[in-house]
């Protein structure tokens, strides 16, 4: 069975079963997990409304969604999901279920290609300092910038402890006695310690 037939089979199965996990996709199409993820991305890029429900760990076909939520960009969706995940452990089970349902609906408007980053288990901790949680969010958004090849606007402290704003393209993370963000500006290559960054914006 060629690639196109396998993807058509996957779409048909999704339409009939309404959900499928990555293990079932690998079995159904007789491919490795990495190839299964490529099939999912190809289907998504072809405007088939497939999305990953992180709460249930399955792929689904998107149903009709309130038009207002489409005004959110990728970073808006990520921040909302992060906030909701942080709330789930500190409310009762009824509200936790409401939050999981909302998370599932937010998944439906998310770019499927960023699923591995968002669903990697990152969460904020009320017991940690603001700085530790800020580093977690910054690292997540920088990884998204790398994955989606986006420019980033960084607010960071310079050597004089003054806050500066800089826009970089081709962002990368390097480790040299600590994580460093490397990117290109009009002036050349810049390197900024991850811990010096106060805010990241995907452009």
N, C-alpha and C. Protein backbone atom coordinates (compact mmCIF):
# COMPACT_ATOMS: atom_id res chain seq x y z
N UNK A 1 0.85 -1.19 0.00
CA UNK A 1 0.00 0.00 0.00
C UNK A 1 0.89 1.24 0.00
N UNK A 2 0.68 2.17 -0.96
CA UNK A 2 1.54 3.34 -1.02
C UNK A 2 1.13 4.39 0.02
N UNK A 3 1.96 5.44 0.11
CA UNK A 3 1.76 6.47 1.14
C UNK A 3 0.39 7.12 1.06
N UNK A 4 -0.04 7.52 -0.13
CA UNK A 4 -1.33 8.19 -0.29
C UNK A 4 -2.48 7.30 0.16
N UNK A 5 -2.45 6.03 -0.20
CA UNK A 5 -3.53 5.11 0.21
C UNK A 5 -3.54 4.94 1.72
N UNK A 6 -2.37 4.92 2.32
CA UNK A 6 -2.31 4.78 3.78
C UNK A 6 -2.93 6.00 4.47
N UNK A 7 -2.65 7.18 3.94
CA UNK A 7 -3.21 8.39 4.55
C UNK A 7 -4.72 8.46 4.34
N UNK A 8 -5.19 8.04 3.17
CA UNK A 8 -6.64 8.00 2.94
C UNK A 8 -7.31 7.00 3.88
N UNK A 9 -6.64 5.87 4.10
CA UNK A 9 -7.16 4.88 5.04
C UNK A 9 -7.23 5.47 6.44
N UNK A 10 -6.19 6.21 6.82
CA UNK A 10 -6.17 6.84 8.14
C UNK A 10 -7.32 7.83 8.30
N UNK A 11 -7.58 8.63 7.27
CA UNK A 11 -8.69 9.58 7.33
C UNK A 11 -10.02 8.86 7.45
N UNK A 12 -10.20 7.78 6.70
CA UNK A 12 -11.45 7.01 6.76
C UNK A 12 -11.67 6.40 8.14
N UNK A 13 -10.58 5.90 8.72
CA UNK A 13 -10.69 5.32 10.07
C UNK A 13 -11.05 6.40 11.08
N UNK A 14 -10.45 7.57 10.94
CA UNK A 14 -10.77 8.67 11.85
C UNK A 14 -12.24 9.08 11.73
N UNK A 15 -12.74 9.11 10.52
CA UNK A 15 -14.14 9.49 10.31
C UNK A 15 -15.10 8.47 10.94
N UNK A 16 -14.71 7.21 10.92
CA UNK A 16 -15.60 6.17 11.45
C UNK A 16 -15.43 5.98 12.96
N UNK A 17 -14.18 5.99 13.44
CA UNK A 17 -13.93 5.75 14.86
C UNK A 17 -13.95 7.03 15.71
N UNK A 18 -13.74 8.16 15.07
CA UNK A 18 -13.71 9.47 15.72
C UNK A 18 -12.42 9.75 16.49
N UNK A 19 -11.59 8.74 16.72
CA UNK A 19 -10.35 8.94 17.47
C UNK A 19 -9.38 7.80 17.16
N UNK A 20 -8.08 8.09 17.26
CA UNK A 20 -7.08 7.05 17.05
C UNK A 20 -5.78 7.50 17.71
N UNK A 21 -5.06 6.59 18.35
CA UNK A 21 -3.78 6.96 18.96
C UNK A 21 -2.63 6.61 18.02
N UNK A 22 -1.44 7.10 18.35
CA UNK A 22 -0.30 6.94 17.45
C UNK A 22 0.09 5.48 17.29
N UNK A 23 -0.06 4.68 18.34
CA UNK A 23 0.26 3.25 18.24
C UNK A 23 -0.65 2.57 17.23
N UNK A 24 -1.93 2.91 17.25
CA UNK A 24 -2.88 2.32 16.30
C UNK A 24 -2.56 2.75 14.87
N UNK A 25 -2.08 4.00 14.71
CA UNK A 25 -1.72 4.47 13.38
C UNK A 25 -0.55 3.68 12.82
N UNK A 26 0.45 3.43 13.68
CA UNK A 26 1.63 2.66 13.22
C UNK A 26 1.22 1.24 12.81
N UNK A 27 0.28 0.65 13.56
CA UNK A 27 -0.19 -0.70 13.23
C UNK A 27 -1.03 -0.70 11.96
N UNK A 28 -1.95 0.25 11.88
CA UNK A 28 -2.86 0.34 10.73
C UNK A 28 -2.09 0.55 9.42
N UNK A 29 -1.11 1.44 9.44
CA UNK A 29 -0.38 1.80 8.23
C UNK A 29 0.92 1.02 8.06
N UNK A 30 1.26 0.22 9.08
CA UNK A 30 2.49 -0.58 9.04
C UNK A 30 3.71 0.31 8.82
N UNK A 31 3.82 1.34 9.68
CA UNK A 31 4.95 2.28 9.58
C UNK A 31 5.52 2.53 10.97
N UNK A 32 6.71 3.13 11.02
CA UNK A 32 7.31 3.50 12.28
C UNK A 32 6.60 4.75 12.83
N UNK A 33 6.82 5.00 14.13
CA UNK A 33 6.15 6.13 14.79
C UNK A 33 6.50 7.47 14.12
N UNK A 34 7.76 7.66 13.75
CA UNK A 34 8.17 8.91 13.12
C UNK A 34 7.42 9.14 11.80
N UNK A 35 7.24 8.07 11.03
CA UNK A 35 6.49 8.17 9.77
C UNK A 35 5.03 8.47 10.04
N UNK A 36 4.48 7.89 11.11
CA UNK A 36 3.08 8.15 11.47
C UNK A 36 2.87 9.63 11.78
N UNK A 37 3.84 10.24 12.50
CA UNK A 37 3.74 11.68 12.79
C UNK A 37 3.80 12.50 11.50
N UNK A 38 4.62 12.06 10.54
CA UNK A 38 4.69 12.77 9.26
C UNK A 38 3.36 12.67 8.52
N UNK A 39 2.72 11.51 8.58
CA UNK A 39 1.40 11.36 7.95
C UNK A 39 0.40 12.35 8.57
N UNK A 40 0.41 12.44 9.88
CA UNK A 40 -0.50 13.35 10.59
C UNK A 40 -0.26 14.79 10.13
N UNK A 41 1.00 15.21 10.07
CA UNK A 41 1.31 16.57 9.65
C UNK A 41 0.91 16.83 8.20
N UNK A 42 1.13 15.85 7.33
CA UNK A 42 0.75 15.99 5.92
C UNK A 42 -0.76 16.13 5.78
N UNK A 43 -1.49 15.32 6.52
CA UNK A 43 -2.95 15.39 6.49
C UNK A 43 -3.43 16.76 7.00
N UNK A 44 -2.82 17.23 8.08
CA UNK A 44 -3.18 18.53 8.64
C UNK A 44 -2.90 19.65 7.65
N UNK A 45 -1.74 19.60 6.98
CA UNK A 45 -1.37 20.63 6.01
C UNK A 45 -2.30 20.62 4.79
N UNK A 46 -2.97 19.48 4.57
CA UNK A 46 -3.94 19.38 3.46
C UNK A 46 -5.33 19.88 3.88
N UNK A 47 -5.36 20.57 5.05
CA UNK A 47 -6.60 21.18 5.57
C UNK A 47 -7.63 20.17 6.07
N UNK A 48 -7.19 18.95 6.35
CA UNK A 48 -8.07 18.01 7.06
C UNK A 48 -8.01 18.41 8.54
N UNK A 49 -9.16 18.67 9.17
CA UNK A 49 -9.16 19.24 10.53
C UNK A 49 -8.82 18.22 11.62
N UNK A 50 -7.61 17.69 11.57
CA UNK A 50 -7.17 16.71 12.56
C UNK A 50 -6.42 17.43 13.67
N UNK A 51 -6.59 16.98 14.90
CA UNK A 51 -5.86 17.58 16.01
C UNK A 51 -5.58 16.53 17.06
N UNK A 52 -4.63 16.85 17.95
CA UNK A 52 -4.26 15.93 19.02
C UNK A 52 -4.92 16.35 20.31
N UNK A 53 -5.68 15.45 20.92
CA UNK A 53 -6.30 15.70 22.22
C UNK A 53 -5.31 15.22 23.29
N UNK A 54 -4.58 16.17 23.88
CA UNK A 54 -3.56 15.82 24.85
C UNK A 54 -4.10 15.17 26.10
N UNK A 55 -5.34 15.47 26.44
CA UNK A 55 -5.93 14.88 27.65
C UNK A 55 -6.18 13.39 27.48
N UNK A 56 -6.63 12.98 26.29
CA UNK A 56 -6.95 11.58 26.03
C UNK A 56 -5.83 10.85 25.30
N UNK A 57 -4.86 11.61 24.78
CA UNK A 57 -3.74 10.99 24.08
C UNK A 57 -4.11 10.39 22.74
N UNK A 58 -5.09 11.00 22.06
CA UNK A 58 -5.55 10.47 20.76
C UNK A 58 -5.70 11.61 19.75
N UNK A 59 -5.69 11.25 18.48
CA UNK A 59 -5.98 12.20 17.42
C UNK A 59 -7.47 12.13 17.08
N UNK A 60 -8.04 13.31 16.79
CA UNK A 60 -9.47 13.40 16.47
C UNK A 60 -9.66 14.33 15.29
N UNK A 61 -10.87 14.30 14.70
CA UNK A 61 -11.24 15.27 13.69
C UNK A 61 -11.99 16.40 14.37
N UNK A 62 -11.61 17.61 14.04
CA UNK A 62 -12.19 18.78 14.69
C UNK A 62 -13.64 18.98 14.26
N UNK A 63 -14.47 19.31 15.24
CA UNK A 63 -15.85 19.67 14.96
C UNK A 63 -15.94 21.19 14.85
N UNK A 64 -17.12 21.71 14.61
CA UNK A 64 -17.29 23.15 14.47
C UNK A 64 -16.89 23.85 15.75
N UNK A 65 -16.13 24.92 15.62
CA UNK A 65 -15.63 25.66 16.78
C UNK A 65 -16.07 27.12 16.69
N UNK A 66 -16.35 27.68 17.84
CA UNK A 66 -16.72 29.09 17.90
C UNK A 66 -15.69 29.94 17.16
N UNK A 67 -16.14 30.79 16.23
CA UNK A 67 -15.23 31.56 15.39
C UNK A 67 -14.31 32.46 16.20
N UNK A 68 -14.74 32.91 17.37
CA UNK A 68 -13.95 33.87 18.15
C UNK A 68 -12.60 33.30 18.54
N UNK A 69 -12.53 32.00 18.79
CA UNK A 69 -11.28 31.42 19.26
C UNK A 69 -10.22 31.39 18.17
N UNK A 70 -10.65 31.53 16.91
CA UNK A 70 -9.67 31.53 15.82
C UNK A 70 -8.83 32.80 15.83
N UNK A 71 -9.23 33.82 16.60
CA UNK A 71 -8.45 35.04 16.69
C UNK A 71 -7.21 34.85 17.56
N UNK A 72 -7.13 33.75 18.30
CA UNK A 72 -5.95 33.47 19.11
C UNK A 72 -4.81 33.00 18.21
N UNK A 73 -3.59 33.51 18.48
CA UNK A 73 -2.45 32.99 17.75
C UNK A 73 -1.84 31.83 18.53
N UNK A 74 -0.78 31.24 17.98
CA UNK A 74 -0.18 30.06 18.61
C UNK A 74 0.24 30.33 20.05
N UNK A 75 0.86 31.48 20.29
CA UNK A 75 1.32 31.78 21.65
C UNK A 75 0.15 31.95 22.60
N UNK A 76 -0.95 32.56 22.14
CA UNK A 76 -2.15 32.69 22.99
C UNK A 76 -2.65 31.32 23.43
N UNK A 77 -2.75 30.40 22.47
CA UNK A 77 -3.24 29.05 22.77
C UNK A 77 -2.33 28.35 23.77
N UNK A 78 -1.01 28.46 23.54
CA UNK A 78 -0.04 27.82 24.42
C UNK A 78 -0.16 28.34 25.84
N UNK A 79 -0.26 29.67 25.99
CA UNK A 79 -0.34 30.26 27.33
C UNK A 79 -1.63 29.86 28.04
N UNK A 80 -2.74 29.80 27.29
CA UNK A 80 -4.01 29.36 27.88
C UNK A 80 -3.91 27.91 28.35
N UNK A 81 -3.32 27.06 27.52
CA UNK A 81 -3.20 25.65 27.90
C UNK A 81 -2.31 25.49 29.13
N UNK A 82 -1.22 26.24 29.17
CA UNK A 82 -0.31 26.17 30.30
C UNK A 82 -1.01 26.60 31.59
N UNK A 83 -1.79 27.67 31.50
CA UNK A 83 -2.53 28.15 32.67
C UNK A 83 -3.56 27.14 33.14
N UNK A 84 -4.27 26.54 32.19
CA UNK A 84 -5.30 25.55 32.55
C UNK A 84 -4.67 24.31 33.19
N UNK A 85 -3.54 23.85 32.63
CA UNK A 85 -2.86 22.68 33.20
C UNK A 85 -2.41 22.96 34.62
N UNK A 86 -2.01 24.21 34.89
CA UNK A 86 -1.56 24.58 36.23
C UNK A 86 -2.71 24.59 37.23
N UNK A 87 -3.91 24.93 36.74
CA UNK A 87 -5.08 24.99 37.62
C UNK A 87 -5.63 23.61 37.98
N UNK A 88 -5.52 22.65 37.07
CA UNK A 88 -6.17 21.33 37.26
C UNK A 88 -5.84 20.68 38.61
N UNK A 89 -4.57 20.67 39.06
CA UNK A 89 -4.27 19.96 40.32
C UNK A 89 -4.78 20.66 41.58
N UNK A 90 -5.25 21.91 41.47
CA UNK A 90 -5.61 22.65 42.70
C UNK A 90 -7.11 22.93 42.81
N UNK A 91 -7.92 22.28 41.95
CA UNK A 91 -9.37 22.42 42.05
C UNK A 91 -9.99 21.04 42.25
N UNK A 92 -11.29 21.00 42.59
CA UNK A 92 -11.93 19.71 42.78
C UNK A 92 -12.12 18.99 41.45
N UNK A 93 -12.52 17.72 41.51
CA UNK A 93 -12.56 16.90 40.31
C UNK A 93 -13.57 17.40 39.28
N UNK A 94 -14.68 17.99 39.75
CA UNK A 94 -15.67 18.50 38.82
C UNK A 94 -15.09 19.63 37.97
N UNK A 95 -14.41 20.59 38.65
CA UNK A 95 -13.79 21.68 37.90
C UNK A 95 -12.62 21.18 37.07
N UNK A 96 -11.90 20.20 37.59
CA UNK A 96 -10.78 19.62 36.85
C UNK A 96 -11.27 19.03 35.52
N UNK A 97 -12.43 18.36 35.57
CA UNK A 97 -13.00 17.80 34.34
C UNK A 97 -13.42 18.89 33.37
N UNK A 98 -13.96 20.00 33.90
CA UNK A 98 -14.30 21.15 33.05
C UNK A 98 -13.06 21.70 32.36
N UNK A 99 -11.97 21.80 33.13
CA UNK A 99 -10.72 22.34 32.58
C UNK A 99 -10.12 21.40 31.53
N UNK A 100 -10.23 20.09 31.78
CA UNK A 100 -9.72 19.12 30.80
C UNK A 100 -10.51 19.21 29.49
N UNK A 101 -11.83 19.41 29.62
CA UNK A 101 -12.67 19.55 28.43
C UNK A 101 -12.28 20.81 27.65
N UNK A 102 -12.03 21.91 28.36
CA UNK A 102 -11.61 23.15 27.71
C UNK A 102 -10.25 22.97 27.04
N UNK A 103 -9.35 22.26 27.71
CA UNK A 103 -8.05 21.96 27.11
C UNK A 103 -8.21 21.18 25.81
N UNK A 104 -9.12 20.22 25.82
CA UNK A 104 -9.37 19.41 24.63
C UNK A 104 -9.85 20.27 23.47
N UNK A 105 -10.71 21.24 23.77
CA UNK A 105 -11.23 22.11 22.72
C UNK A 105 -10.15 23.07 22.21
N UNK A 106 -9.28 23.51 23.10
CA UNK A 106 -8.17 24.36 22.67
C UNK A 106 -7.21 23.59 21.76
N UNK A 107 -7.05 22.29 22.04
CA UNK A 107 -6.19 21.45 21.20
C UNK A 107 -6.67 21.47 19.76
N UNK A 108 -7.97 21.62 19.57
CA UNK A 108 -8.56 21.54 18.24
C UNK A 108 -8.18 22.71 17.35
N UNK A 109 -7.72 23.82 17.94
CA UNK A 109 -7.35 24.97 17.12
C UNK A 109 -5.85 25.17 17.09
N UNK A 110 -5.12 24.17 17.55
CA UNK A 110 -3.67 24.28 17.63
C UNK A 110 -3.02 23.66 16.40
N UNK A 111 -1.89 24.23 16.02
CA UNK A 111 -1.09 23.66 14.93
C UNK A 111 -0.59 22.29 15.35
N UNK A 112 -0.99 21.23 14.62
CA UNK A 112 -0.62 19.86 15.00
C UNK A 112 0.88 19.67 15.09
N UNK A 113 1.63 20.42 14.28
CA UNK A 113 3.07 20.25 14.25
C UNK A 113 3.78 20.58 15.55
N UNK A 114 3.12 21.31 16.47
CA UNK A 114 3.78 21.68 17.72
C UNK A 114 3.38 20.75 18.87
N UNK A 115 2.59 19.71 18.59
CA UNK A 115 2.14 18.80 19.64
C UNK A 115 3.26 18.24 20.50
N UNK A 116 4.38 17.76 19.91
CA UNK A 116 5.42 17.17 20.75
C UNK A 116 5.96 18.10 21.81
N UNK A 117 6.01 19.42 21.51
CA UNK A 117 6.52 20.39 22.48
C UNK A 117 5.49 20.67 23.56
N UNK A 118 4.25 20.92 23.17
CA UNK A 118 3.21 21.28 24.13
C UNK A 118 2.87 20.13 25.06
N UNK A 119 2.88 18.91 24.56
CA UNK A 119 2.45 17.76 25.35
C UNK A 119 3.62 17.05 26.02
N UNK A 120 4.74 17.77 26.18
CA UNK A 120 5.94 17.15 26.76
C UNK A 120 5.90 17.09 28.28
N UNK A 121 4.82 17.61 28.88
CA UNK A 121 4.67 17.49 30.33
C UNK A 121 5.05 18.73 31.10
N UNK A 122 5.38 19.84 30.43
CA UNK A 122 5.73 21.06 31.14
C UNK A 122 4.52 21.60 31.90
N UNK A 123 4.75 22.04 33.12
CA UNK A 123 3.69 22.68 33.90
C UNK A 123 4.34 23.65 34.88
N UNK A 124 3.57 24.64 35.29
CA UNK A 124 4.06 25.62 36.25
C UNK A 124 3.82 25.11 37.65
N UNK A 125 4.62 25.57 38.59
CA UNK A 125 4.56 25.08 39.95
C UNK A 125 4.39 26.26 40.90
N UNK A 126 3.28 26.24 41.66
CA UNK A 126 3.03 27.33 42.60
C UNK A 126 4.12 27.40 43.68
N UNK A 127 4.80 26.29 43.92
CA UNK A 127 5.84 26.26 44.94
C UNK A 127 7.17 26.82 44.48
N UNK A 128 7.30 27.08 43.18
CA UNK A 128 8.55 27.59 42.63
C UNK A 128 8.52 29.11 42.57
N UNK A 129 9.71 29.70 42.44
CA UNK A 129 9.80 31.16 42.34
C UNK A 129 9.31 31.61 40.97
N UNK A 130 8.98 32.93 40.89
CA UNK A 130 8.55 33.50 39.62
C UNK A 130 9.61 33.27 38.55
N UNK A 131 10.88 33.41 38.94
CA UNK A 131 11.97 33.28 37.96
C UNK A 131 12.04 31.87 37.39
N UNK A 132 11.86 30.86 38.24
CA UNK A 132 11.93 29.47 37.77
C UNK A 132 10.80 29.17 36.78
N UNK A 133 9.59 29.65 37.09
CA UNK A 133 8.47 29.44 36.18
C UNK A 133 8.64 30.24 34.89
N UNK A 134 9.23 31.44 35.00
CA UNK A 134 9.48 32.26 33.81
C UNK A 134 10.44 31.54 32.87
N UNK A 135 11.48 30.93 33.42
CA UNK A 135 12.45 30.19 32.61
C UNK A 135 11.75 29.04 31.89
N UNK A 136 10.83 28.35 32.58
CA UNK A 136 10.09 27.24 31.96
C UNK A 136 9.28 27.73 30.75
N UNK A 137 8.56 28.85 30.94
CA UNK A 137 7.74 29.38 29.84
C UNK A 137 8.63 29.85 28.69
N UNK A 138 9.72 30.55 29.03
CA UNK A 138 10.64 31.02 27.99
C UNK A 138 11.19 29.87 27.18
N UNK A 139 11.60 28.81 27.86
CA UNK A 139 12.19 27.66 27.17
C UNK A 139 11.16 27.02 26.24
N UNK A 140 9.92 26.90 26.71
CA UNK A 140 8.85 26.33 25.90
C UNK A 140 8.63 27.16 24.63
N UNK A 141 8.53 28.49 24.78
CA UNK A 141 8.27 29.35 23.63
C UNK A 141 9.45 29.39 22.67
N UNK A 142 10.66 29.32 23.20
CA UNK A 142 11.85 29.29 22.34
C UNK A 142 11.87 27.99 21.53
N UNK A 143 11.54 26.87 22.17
CA UNK A 143 11.46 25.60 21.45
C UNK A 143 10.40 25.68 20.34
N UNK A 144 9.29 26.35 20.62
CA UNK A 144 8.26 26.53 19.59
C UNK A 144 8.80 27.36 18.43
N UNK A 145 9.55 28.42 18.77
CA UNK A 145 10.15 29.26 17.73
C UNK A 145 11.10 28.47 16.86
N UNK A 146 11.89 27.59 17.49
CA UNK A 146 12.83 26.76 16.74
C UNK A 146 12.07 25.78 15.85
N UNK A 147 11.05 25.13 16.41
CA UNK A 147 10.30 24.12 15.67
C UNK A 147 9.55 24.72 14.48
N UNK A 148 8.97 25.90 14.69
CA UNK A 148 8.14 26.51 13.64
C UNK A 148 8.90 27.54 12.80
N UNK A 149 10.22 27.67 13.08
CA UNK A 149 11.08 28.59 12.32
C UNK A 149 10.54 30.03 12.37
N UNK A 150 10.14 30.44 13.55
CA UNK A 150 9.60 31.80 13.75
C UNK A 150 10.67 32.73 14.29
N UNK A 151 10.51 34.02 14.03
CA UNK A 151 11.36 35.02 14.69
C UNK A 151 10.86 35.19 16.12
N UNK A 152 11.75 35.61 17.00
CA UNK A 152 11.40 35.82 18.40
C UNK A 152 11.78 37.23 18.83
N UNK A 153 10.89 37.86 19.62
CA UNK A 153 11.25 39.11 20.27
C UNK A 153 11.55 38.80 21.74
N UNK A 154 12.75 39.11 22.17
CA UNK A 154 13.20 38.78 23.51
C UNK A 154 13.39 40.04 24.34
N UNK A 155 12.84 40.06 25.54
CA UNK A 155 13.14 41.10 26.52
C UNK A 155 14.11 40.47 27.51
N UNK A 156 15.28 41.08 27.67
CA UNK A 156 16.29 40.45 28.50
C UNK A 156 17.13 41.50 29.24
N UNK A 157 17.81 41.05 30.29
CA UNK A 157 18.73 41.92 31.03
C UNK A 157 20.10 41.86 30.37
N UNK A 158 20.71 43.03 30.13
CA UNK A 158 22.07 43.04 29.59
C UNK A 158 23.09 43.01 30.73
N UNK A 159 24.35 43.20 30.39
CA UNK A 159 25.41 43.13 31.40
C UNK A 159 25.30 44.23 32.46
N UNK A 160 24.61 45.31 32.11
CA UNK A 160 24.41 46.42 33.05
C UNK A 160 23.11 46.26 33.84
N UNK A 161 22.49 45.08 33.75
CA UNK A 161 21.22 44.80 34.43
C UNK A 161 20.09 45.69 33.93
N UNK A 162 20.22 46.19 32.70
CA UNK A 162 19.17 46.98 32.08
C UNK A 162 18.38 46.09 31.13
N UNK A 163 17.07 46.30 31.07
CA UNK A 163 16.22 45.47 30.20
C UNK A 163 16.26 46.01 28.79
N UNK A 164 16.53 45.11 27.84
CA UNK A 164 16.56 45.46 26.43
C UNK A 164 15.60 44.57 25.65
N UNK A 165 15.19 45.05 24.49
CA UNK A 165 14.34 44.26 23.59
C UNK A 165 15.11 44.01 22.31
N UNK A 166 15.08 42.77 21.84
CA UNK A 166 15.81 42.41 20.63
C UNK A 166 15.00 41.38 19.86
N UNK A 167 15.03 41.47 18.52
CA UNK A 167 14.34 40.51 17.67
C UNK A 167 15.38 39.65 16.96
N UNK A 168 15.21 38.33 17.06
CA UNK A 168 16.17 37.41 16.43
C UNK A 168 15.45 36.48 15.46
N UNK A 169 16.17 36.04 14.46
CA UNK A 169 15.69 35.00 13.55
C UNK A 169 16.58 33.78 13.71
N UNK A 170 16.13 32.66 13.16
CA UNK A 170 16.86 31.39 13.25
C UNK A 170 17.29 31.08 14.68
N UNK A 171 16.35 31.09 15.64
CA UNK A 171 16.73 30.85 17.05
C UNK A 171 17.22 29.42 17.28
N UNK A 172 18.20 29.30 18.18
CA UNK A 172 18.72 27.99 18.58
C UNK A 172 19.03 28.03 20.06
N UNK A 173 19.09 26.84 20.67
CA UNK A 173 19.51 26.73 22.07
C UNK A 173 20.84 25.98 22.11
N UNK A 174 21.79 26.52 22.85
CA UNK A 174 23.07 25.87 23.04
C UNK A 174 23.35 25.75 24.54
N UNK A 175 24.10 24.72 24.91
CA UNK A 175 24.43 24.55 26.33
C UNK A 175 25.93 24.73 26.53
N UNK A 176 26.30 25.76 27.28
CA UNK A 176 27.69 26.01 27.65
C UNK A 176 27.70 26.51 29.09
N UNK A 177 27.81 25.56 30.03
CA UNK A 177 27.71 25.87 31.47
C UNK A 177 26.37 26.50 31.79
N UNK A 178 25.37 26.29 30.95
CA UNK A 178 24.03 26.85 31.09
C UNK A 178 23.44 27.06 29.71
N UNK A 179 22.11 27.13 29.62
CA UNK A 179 21.46 27.27 28.32
C UNK A 179 21.59 28.69 27.80
N UNK A 180 21.93 28.81 26.52
CA UNK A 180 22.11 30.09 25.85
C UNK A 180 21.24 30.11 24.60
N UNK A 181 20.53 31.22 24.39
CA UNK A 181 19.74 31.41 23.17
C UNK A 181 20.62 32.10 22.14
N UNK A 182 20.72 31.49 20.98
CA UNK A 182 21.54 32.04 19.89
C UNK A 182 20.61 32.41 18.74
N UNK A 183 20.82 33.59 18.17
CA UNK A 183 19.98 34.01 17.06
C UNK A 183 20.69 35.05 16.21
N UNK A 184 20.06 35.43 15.12
CA UNK A 184 20.65 36.37 14.18
C UNK A 184 19.85 37.67 14.18
N UNK A 185 20.56 38.79 14.27
CA UNK A 185 19.97 40.12 14.16
C UNK A 185 20.61 40.84 12.97
N UNK A 186 20.16 42.07 12.71
CA UNK A 186 20.77 42.85 11.63
C UNK A 186 22.24 43.12 11.89
N UNK A 187 22.63 43.07 13.16
CA UNK A 187 24.02 43.36 13.53
C UNK A 187 24.89 42.11 13.56
N UNK A 188 24.29 40.95 13.42
CA UNK A 188 25.05 39.71 13.46
C UNK A 188 24.48 38.72 14.46
N UNK A 189 25.29 37.76 14.89
CA UNK A 189 24.86 36.71 15.81
C UNK A 189 24.88 37.23 17.24
N UNK A 190 23.82 36.92 17.99
CA UNK A 190 23.77 37.28 19.41
C UNK A 190 23.59 36.02 20.25
N UNK A 191 24.11 36.08 21.48
CA UNK A 191 23.98 34.98 22.43
C UNK A 191 23.51 35.55 23.75
N UNK A 192 22.39 35.01 24.26
CA UNK A 192 21.78 35.53 25.48
C UNK A 192 21.51 34.37 26.43
N UNK A 193 21.98 34.43 27.68
CA UNK A 193 21.67 33.37 28.65
C UNK A 193 20.17 33.24 28.85
N UNK A 194 19.67 32.02 28.87
CA UNK A 194 18.24 31.78 29.05
C UNK A 194 17.72 32.43 30.33
N UNK A 195 18.53 32.39 31.38
CA UNK A 195 18.10 32.94 32.68
C UNK A 195 18.00 34.47 32.67
N UNK A 196 18.58 35.14 31.65
CA UNK A 196 18.51 36.61 31.57
C UNK A 196 17.27 37.08 30.84
N UNK A 197 16.54 36.14 30.22
CA UNK A 197 15.36 36.51 29.42
C UNK A 197 14.14 36.64 30.31
N UNK A 198 13.43 37.76 30.16
CA UNK A 198 12.25 38.04 30.96
C UNK A 198 10.95 37.71 30.21
N UNK A 199 10.97 37.79 28.89
CA UNK A 199 9.75 37.57 28.12
C UNK A 199 10.11 37.19 26.69
N UNK A 200 9.31 36.27 26.13
CA UNK A 200 9.50 35.83 24.74
C UNK A 200 8.20 36.03 23.97
N UNK A 201 8.29 36.56 22.77
CA UNK A 201 7.11 36.71 21.93
C UNK A 201 7.39 36.10 20.57
N UNK A 202 6.53 35.16 20.14
CA UNK A 202 6.64 34.58 18.81
C UNK A 202 6.14 35.59 17.78
N UNK A 203 6.89 35.80 16.72
CA UNK A 203 6.50 36.75 15.68
C UNK A 203 6.13 36.04 14.39
